[in-house]
């Protein structure tokens, strides 16, 4: 999503995506019980978007120290 669509927030680093499609996103859309999936822990990225009606977000790390803090 973040490599091909507009996102809202801060995107300072390239996004590395998993090479295997596990079906998690498709299952969440099919069952219509999940409204938001949040992942992350990156030092310089902190953004969100609406993708196919699902809210997806990538959060900045918490705590102090390291890049992006």
PDB file of N, CA and C in Angstrom:
ATOM      1  N   UNK A   1       0.823  -1.179   0.000  1.00  0.00           N
ATOM      2  CA  UNK A   1       0.000   0.000   0.000  1.00  0.00           C
ATOM      3  C   UNK A   1       0.873   1.250   0.000  1.00  0.00           C
ATOM      4  N   UNK A   2       1.800   1.341   0.925  1.00  0.00           N
ATOM      5  CA  UNK A   2       2.581   2.568   1.090  1.00  0.00           C
ATOM      6  C   UNK A   2       3.502   2.839  -0.091  1.00  0.00           C
ATOM      7  N   UNK A   3       3.859   1.823  -0.846  1.00  0.00           N
ATOM      8  CA  UNK A   3       4.721   2.031  -2.005  1.00  0.00           C
ATOM      9  C   UNK A   3       3.948   2.496  -3.237  1.00  0.00           C
ATOM     10  N   UNK A   4       2.627   2.289  -3.257  1.00  0.00           N
ATOM     11  CA  UNK A   4       1.864   2.576  -4.465  1.00  0.00           C
ATOM     12  C   UNK A   4       0.691   3.533  -4.294  1.00  0.00           C
ATOM     13  N   UNK A   5       0.344   3.909  -3.063  1.00  0.00           N
ATOM     14  CA  UNK A   5      -0.814   4.758  -2.810  1.00  0.00           C
ATOM     15  C   UNK A   5      -0.422   5.913  -1.892  1.00  0.00           C
ATOM     16  N   UNK A   6      -1.254   6.945  -1.858  1.00  0.00           N
ATOM     17  CA  UNK A   6      -1.025   8.061  -0.948  1.00  0.00           C
ATOM     18  C   UNK A   6      -1.271   7.631   0.487  1.00  0.00           C
ATOM     19  N   UNK A   7      -0.394   8.048   1.363  1.00  0.00           N
ATOM     20  CA  UNK A   7      -0.549   7.776   2.791  1.00  0.00           C
ATOM     21  C   UNK A   7      -0.539   9.103   3.533  1.00  0.00           C
ATOM     22  N   UNK A   8      -1.079   9.113   4.741  1.00  0.00           N
ATOM     23  CA  UNK A   8      -1.141  10.315   5.566  1.00  0.00           C
ATOM     24  C   UNK A   8      -0.218  10.138   6.757  1.00  0.00           C
ATOM     25  N   UNK A   9       0.735  11.031   6.887  1.00  0.00           N
ATOM     26  CA  UNK A   9       1.693  10.952   7.979  1.00  0.00           C
ATOM     27  C   UNK A   9       3.101  11.126   7.457  1.00  0.00           C
ATOM     28  N   UNK A  10       4.043  10.465   8.093  1.00  0.00           N
ATOM     29  CA  UNK A  10       5.460  10.613   7.766  1.00  0.00           C
ATOM     30  C   UNK A  10       5.991   9.307   7.202  1.00  0.00           C
ATOM     31  N   UNK A  11       6.517   9.366   5.978  1.00  0.00           N
ATOM     32  CA  UNK A  11       7.145   8.205   5.336  1.00  0.00           C
ATOM     33  C   UNK A  11       8.547   8.618   4.933  1.00  0.00           C
ATOM     34  N   UNK A  12       9.514   8.322   5.776  1.00  0.00           N
ATOM     35  CA  UNK A  12      10.899   8.754   5.559  1.00  0.00           C
ATOM     36  C   UNK A  12      11.801   7.637   5.043  1.00  0.00           C
ATOM     37  N   UNK A  13      11.386   6.391   5.197  1.00  0.00           N
ATOM     38  CA  UNK A  13      12.232   5.270   4.791  1.00  0.00           C
ATOM     39  C   UNK A  13      11.492   4.373   3.811  1.00  0.00           C
ATOM     40  N   UNK A  14      12.258   3.654   2.990  1.00  0.00           N
ATOM     41  CA  UNK A  14      11.668   2.686   2.064  1.00  0.00           C
ATOM     42  C   UNK A  14      10.960   1.587   2.855  1.00  0.00           C
ATOM     43  N   UNK A  15       9.953   0.992   2.239  1.00  0.00           N
ATOM     44  CA  UNK A  15       9.158  -0.037   2.879  1.00  0.00           C
ATOM     45  C   UNK A  15       9.596  -1.396   2.365  1.00  0.00           C
ATOM     46  N   UNK A  16       9.885  -2.302   3.262  1.00  0.00           N
ATOM     47  CA  UNK A  16      10.212  -3.673   2.909  1.00  0.00           C
ATOM     48  C   UNK A  16       8.995  -4.558   3.144  1.00  0.00           C
ATOM     49  N   UNK A  17       8.553  -5.239   2.099  1.00  0.00           N
ATOM     50  CA  UNK A  17       7.356  -6.072   2.214  1.00  0.00           C
ATOM     51  C   UNK A  17       7.723  -7.546   2.239  1.00  0.00           C
ATOM     52  N   UNK A  18       6.930  -8.302   2.936  1.00  0.00           N
ATOM     53  CA  UNK A  18       7.090  -9.749   3.014  1.00  0.00           C
ATOM     54  C   UNK A  18       6.889 -10.348   1.626  1.00  0.00           C
ATOM     55  N   UNK A  19       7.678 -11.338   1.271  1.00  0.00           N
ATOM     56  CA  UNK A  19       7.613 -11.940  -0.060  1.00  0.00           C
ATOM     57  C   UNK A  19       6.472 -12.950  -0.204  1.00  0.00           C
ATOM     58  N   UNK A  20       5.938 -13.456   0.904  1.00  0.00           N
ATOM     59  CA  UNK A  20       4.895 -14.475   0.860  1.00  0.00           C
ATOM     60  C   UNK A  20       3.552 -13.860   1.254  1.00  0.00           C
ATOM     61  N   UNK A  21       2.542 -14.080   0.439  1.00  0.00           N
ATOM     62  CA  UNK A  21       1.189 -13.624   0.762  1.00  0.00           C
ATOM     63  C   UNK A  21       0.549 -14.673   1.661  1.00  0.00           C
ATOM     64  N   UNK A  22       0.360 -14.340   2.928  1.00  0.00           N
ATOM     65  CA  UNK A  22      -0.212 -15.290   3.887  1.00  0.00           C
ATOM     66  C   UNK A  22      -1.737 -15.310   3.858  1.00  0.00           C
ATOM     67  N   UNK A  23      -2.351 -14.334   3.195  1.00  0.00           N
ATOM     68  CA  UNK A  23      -3.798 -14.279   3.122  1.00  0.00           C
ATOM     69  C   UNK A  23      -4.451 -13.535   4.274  1.00  0.00           C
ATOM     70  N   UNK A  24      -3.672 -12.961   5.176  1.00  0.00           N
ATOM     71  CA  UNK A  24      -4.222 -12.261   6.336  1.00  0.00           C
ATOM     72  C   UNK A  24      -5.125 -11.105   5.920  1.00  0.00           C
ATOM     73  N   UNK A  25      -4.659 -10.259   5.012  1.00  0.00           N
ATOM     74  CA  UNK A  25      -5.456  -9.113   4.595  1.00  0.00           C
ATOM     75  C   UNK A  25      -6.735  -9.563   3.899  1.00  0.00           C
ATOM     76  N   UNK A  26      -6.633 -10.529   3.007  1.00  0.00           N
ATOM     77  CA  UNK A  26      -7.808 -11.046   2.314  1.00  0.00           C
ATOM     78  C   UNK A  26      -8.824 -11.641   3.274  1.00  0.00           C
ATOM     79  N   UNK A  27      -8.349 -12.372   4.271  1.00  0.00           N
ATOM     80  CA  UNK A  27      -9.251 -12.956   5.270  1.00  0.00           C
ATOM     81  C   UNK A  27      -9.936 -11.871   6.085  1.00  0.00           C
ATOM     82  N   UNK A  28      -9.200 -10.830   6.439  1.00  0.00           N
ATOM     83  CA  UNK A  28      -9.788  -9.729   7.213  1.00  0.00           C
ATOM     84  C   UNK A  28     -10.879  -9.030   6.405  1.00  0.00           C
ATOM     85  N   UNK A  29     -10.647  -8.827   5.115  1.00  0.00           N
ATOM     86  CA  UNK A  29     -11.666  -8.201   4.263  1.00  0.00           C
ATOM     87  C   UNK A  29     -12.887  -9.102   4.099  1.00  0.00           C
ATOM     88  N   UNK A  30     -12.660 -10.389   3.910  1.00  0.00           N
ATOM     89  CA  UNK A  30     -13.748 -11.339   3.691  1.00  0.00           C
ATOM     90  C   UNK A  30     -14.664 -11.462   4.895  1.00  0.00           C
ATOM     91  N   UNK A  31     -14.082 -11.534   6.079  1.00  0.00           N
ATOM     92  CA  UNK A  31     -14.882 -11.753   7.290  1.00  0.00           C
ATOM     93  C   UNK A  31     -15.518 -10.483   7.842  1.00  0.00           C
ATOM     94  N   UNK A  32     -15.048  -9.322   7.379  1.00  0.00           N
ATOM     95  CA  UNK A  32     -15.644  -8.022   7.721  1.00  0.00           C
ATOM     96  C   UNK A  32     -15.789  -7.783   9.224  1.00  0.00           C
ATOM     97  N   UNK A  33     -14.876  -8.340  10.011  1.00  0.00           N
ATOM     98  CA  UNK A  33     -14.900  -8.118  11.457  1.00  0.00           C
ATOM     99  C   UNK A  33     -13.727  -7.247  11.906  1.00  0.00           C
ATOM    100  N   UNK A  34     -12.771  -7.050  11.029  1.00  0.00           N
ATOM    101  CA  UNK A  34     -11.590  -6.255  11.341  1.00  0.00           C
ATOM    102  C   UNK A  34     -11.693  -4.928  10.623  1.00  0.00           C
ATOM    103  N   UNK A  35     -11.519  -3.831  11.343  1.00  0.00           N
ATOM    104  CA  UNK A  35     -11.600  -2.515  10.741  1.00  0.00           C
ATOM    105  C   UNK A  35     -10.253  -1.825  10.619  1.00  0.00           C
ATOM    106  N   UNK A  36      -9.249  -2.340  11.356  1.00  0.00           N
ATOM    107  CA  UNK A  36      -7.955  -1.657  11.391  1.00  0.00           C
ATOM    108  C   UNK A  36      -6.853  -2.678  11.648  1.00  0.00           C
ATOM    109  N   UNK A  37      -5.788  -2.594  10.870  1.00  0.00           N
ATOM    110  CA  UNK A  37      -4.590  -3.411  11.098  1.00  0.00           C
ATOM    111  C   UNK A  37      -3.433  -2.441  11.284  1.00  0.00           C
ATOM    112  N   UNK A  38      -2.739  -2.567  12.408  1.00  0.00           N
ATOM    113  CA  UNK A  38      -1.624  -1.690  12.721  1.00  0.00           C
ATOM    114  C   UNK A  38      -0.358  -2.527  12.879  1.00  0.00           C
ATOM    115  N   UNK A  39       0.726  -2.086  12.256  1.00  0.00           N
ATOM    116  CA  UNK A  39       2.010  -2.778  12.344  1.00  0.00           C
ATOM    117  C   UNK A  39       3.107  -1.735  12.523  1.00  0.00           C
ATOM    118  N   UNK A  40       4.314  -2.173  12.683  1.00  0.00           N
ATOM    119  CA  UNK A  40       5.428  -1.246  12.669  1.00  0.00           C
ATOM    120  C   UNK A  40       6.344  -1.357  13.853  1.00  0.00           C
ATOM    121  N   UNK A  41       7.048  -0.289  14.054  1.00  0.00           N
ATOM    122  CA  UNK A  41       8.100  -0.224  15.033  1.00  0.00           C
ATOM    123  C   UNK A  41       9.317   0.410  14.401  1.00  0.00           C
ATOM    124  N   UNK A  42       9.116   1.043  13.263  1.00  0.00           N
ATOM    125  CA  UNK A  42      10.174   1.670  12.504  1.00  0.00           C
ATOM    126  C   UNK A  42      10.530   3.012  13.113  1.00  0.00           C
ATOM    127  N   UNK A  43      11.752   3.422  12.971  1.00  0.00           N
ATOM    128  CA  UNK A  43      12.197   4.668  13.582  1.00  0.00           C
ATOM    129  C   UNK A  43      11.712   5.919  12.850  1.00  0.00           C
ATOM    130  N   UNK A  44      11.566   5.878  11.533  1.00  0.00           N
ATOM    131  CA  UNK A  44      11.282   7.089  10.766  1.00  0.00           C
ATOM    132  C   UNK A  44       9.953   7.072  10.005  1.00  0.00           C
ATOM    133  N   UNK A  45       9.148   6.053  10.148  1.00  0.00           N
ATOM    134  CA  UNK A  45       7.853   5.992   9.471  1.00  0.00           C
ATOM    135  C   UNK A  45       6.720   5.999  10.485  1.00  0.00           C
ATOM    136  N   UNK A  46       5.685   6.747  10.169  1.00  0.00           N
ATOM    137  CA  UNK A  46       4.523   6.874  11.046  1.00  0.00           C
ATOM    138  C   UNK A  46       3.361   7.375  10.194  1.00  0.00           C
ATOM    139  N   UNK A  47       2.596   6.457   9.598  1.00  0.00           N
ATOM    140  CA  UNK A  47       1.556   6.873   8.670  1.00  0.00           C
ATOM    141  C   UNK A  47       0.385   5.910   8.665  1.00  0.00           C
ATOM    142  N   UNK A  48      -0.685   6.318   7.999  1.00  0.00           N
ATOM    143  CA  UNK A  48      -1.889   5.487   7.894  1.00  0.00           C
ATOM    144  C   UNK A  48      -2.576   5.772   6.564  1.00  0.00           C
ATOM    145  N   UNK A  49      -3.462   4.852   6.161  1.00  0.00           N
ATOM    146  CA  UNK A  49      -4.249   5.021   4.931  1.00  0.00           C
ATOM    147  C   UNK A  49      -5.464   4.116   4.991  1.00  0.00           C
ATOM    148  N   UNK A  50      -6.406   4.405   4.108  1.00  0.00           N
ATOM    149  CA  UNK A  50      -7.573   3.559   3.919  1.00  0.00           C
ATOM    150  C   UNK A  50      -7.313   2.770   2.640  1.00  0.00           C
ATOM    151  N   UNK A  51      -7.285   1.453   2.730  1.00  0.00           N
ATOM    152  CA  UNK A  51      -6.965   0.586   1.592  1.00  0.00           C
ATOM    153  C   UNK A  51      -8.061  -0.448   1.436  1.00  0.00           C
ATOM    154  N   UNK A  52      -8.839  -0.337   0.387  1.00  0.00           N
ATOM    155  CA  UNK A  52      -9.978  -1.234   0.127  1.00  0.00           C
ATOM    156  C   UNK A  52     -10.963  -1.247   1.289  1.00  0.00           C
ATOM    157  N   UNK A  53     -11.155  -0.075   1.922  1.00  0.00           N
ATOM    158  CA  UNK A  53     -12.093   0.032   3.031  1.00  0.00           C
ATOM    159  C   UNK A  53     -11.538  -0.394   4.378  1.00  0.00           C
ATOM    160  N   UNK A  54     -10.290  -0.807   4.440  1.00  0.00           N
ATOM    161  CA  UNK A  54      -9.637  -1.225   5.686  1.00  0.00           C
ATOM    162  C   UNK A  54      -8.624  -0.154   6.074  1.00  0.00           C
ATOM    163  N   UNK A  55      -8.615   0.242   7.334  1.00  0.00           N
ATOM    164  CA  UNK A  55      -7.621   1.187   7.828  1.00  0.00           C
ATOM    165  C   UNK A  55      -6.331   0.414   8.120  1.00  0.00           C
ATOM    166  N   UNK A  56      -5.234   0.889   7.565  1.00  0.00           N
ATOM    167  CA  UNK A  56      -3.919   0.290   7.798  1.00  0.00           C
ATOM    168  C   UNK A  56      -2.993   1.374   8.321  1.00  0.00           C
ATOM    169  N   UNK A  57      -2.193   1.038   9.315  1.00  0.00           N
ATOM    170  CA  UNK A  57      -1.257   2.026   9.838  1.00  0.00           C
ATOM    171  C   UNK A  57       0.079   1.381  10.168  1.00  0.00           C
ATOM    172  N   UNK A  58       1.107   2.195  10.098  1.00  0.00           N
ATOM    173  CA  UNK A  58       2.478   1.793  10.410  1.00  0.00           C
ATOM    174  C   UNK A  58       2.982   2.779  11.436  1.00  0.00           C
ATOM    175  N   UNK A  59       3.280   2.311  12.637  1.00  0.00           N
ATOM    176  CA  UNK A  59       3.585   3.211  13.736  1.00  0.00           C
ATOM    177  C   UNK A  59       5.051   3.355  14.045  1.00  0.00           C
ATOM    178  N   UNK A  60       5.364   4.537  14.506  1.00  0.00           N
ATOM    179  CA  UNK A  60       6.713   4.854  14.962  1.00  0.00           C
ATOM    180  C   UNK A  60       7.014   4.093  16.244  1.00  0.00           C
ATOM    181  N   UNK A  61       8.254   3.823  16.501  1.00  0.00           N
ATOM    182  CA  UNK A  61       8.632   3.118  17.730  1.00  0.00           C
ATOM    183  C   UNK A  61       8.373   3.994  18.947  1.00  0.00           C
ATOM    184  N   UNK A  62       8.189   3.361  20.066  1.00  0.00           N
ATOM    185  CA  UNK A  62       8.027   4.117  21.303  1.00  0.00           C
ATOM    186  C   UNK A  62       9.333   4.087  22.082  1.00  0.00           C
ATOM    187  N   UNK A  63       9.447   4.951  23.036  1.00  0.00           N
ATOM    188  CA  UNK A  63      10.656   4.993  23.837  1.00  0.00           C
ATOM    189  C   UNK A  63      11.656   5.990  23.286  1.00  0.00           C
ATOM    190  N   UNK A  64      12.839   6.006  23.864  1.00  0.00           N
ATOM    191  CA  UNK A  64      13.847   6.960  23.428  1.00  0.00           C
ATOM    192  C   UNK A  64      15.066   6.231  22.860  1.00  0.00           C
ATOM    193  N   UNK A  65      15.851   6.982  22.128  1.00  0.00           N
ATOM    194  CA  UNK A  65      17.065   6.433  21.554  1.00  0.00           C
ATOM    195  C   UNK A  65      16.852   5.957  20.143  1.00  0.00           C
ATOM    196  N   UNK A  66      17.928   5.911  19.385  1.00  0.00           N
ATOM    197  CA  UNK A  66      17.875   5.433  18.008  1.00  0.00           C
ATOM    198  C   UNK A  66      17.470   6.530  17.037  1.00  0.00           C
ATOM    199  N   UNK A  67      17.537   6.211  15.751  1.00  0.00           N
ATOM    200  CA  UNK A  67      17.163   7.200  14.740  1.00  0.00           C
ATOM    201  C   UNK A  67      15.686   7.539  14.798  1.00  0.00           C
ATOM    202  N   UNK A  68      15.353   8.736  14.362  1.00  0.00           N
ATOM    203  CA  UNK A  68      13.967   9.149  14.273  1.00  0.00           C
ATOM    204  C   UNK A  68      13.352   9.626  15.585  1.00  0.00           C
ATOM    205  N   UNK A  69      14.139   9.687  16.629  1.00  0.00           N
ATOM    206  CA  UNK A  69      13.595  10.104  17.937  1.00  0.00           C
ATOM    207  C   UNK A  69      14.177  11.449  18.307  1.00  0.00           C
TER     208      UNK A  69
END
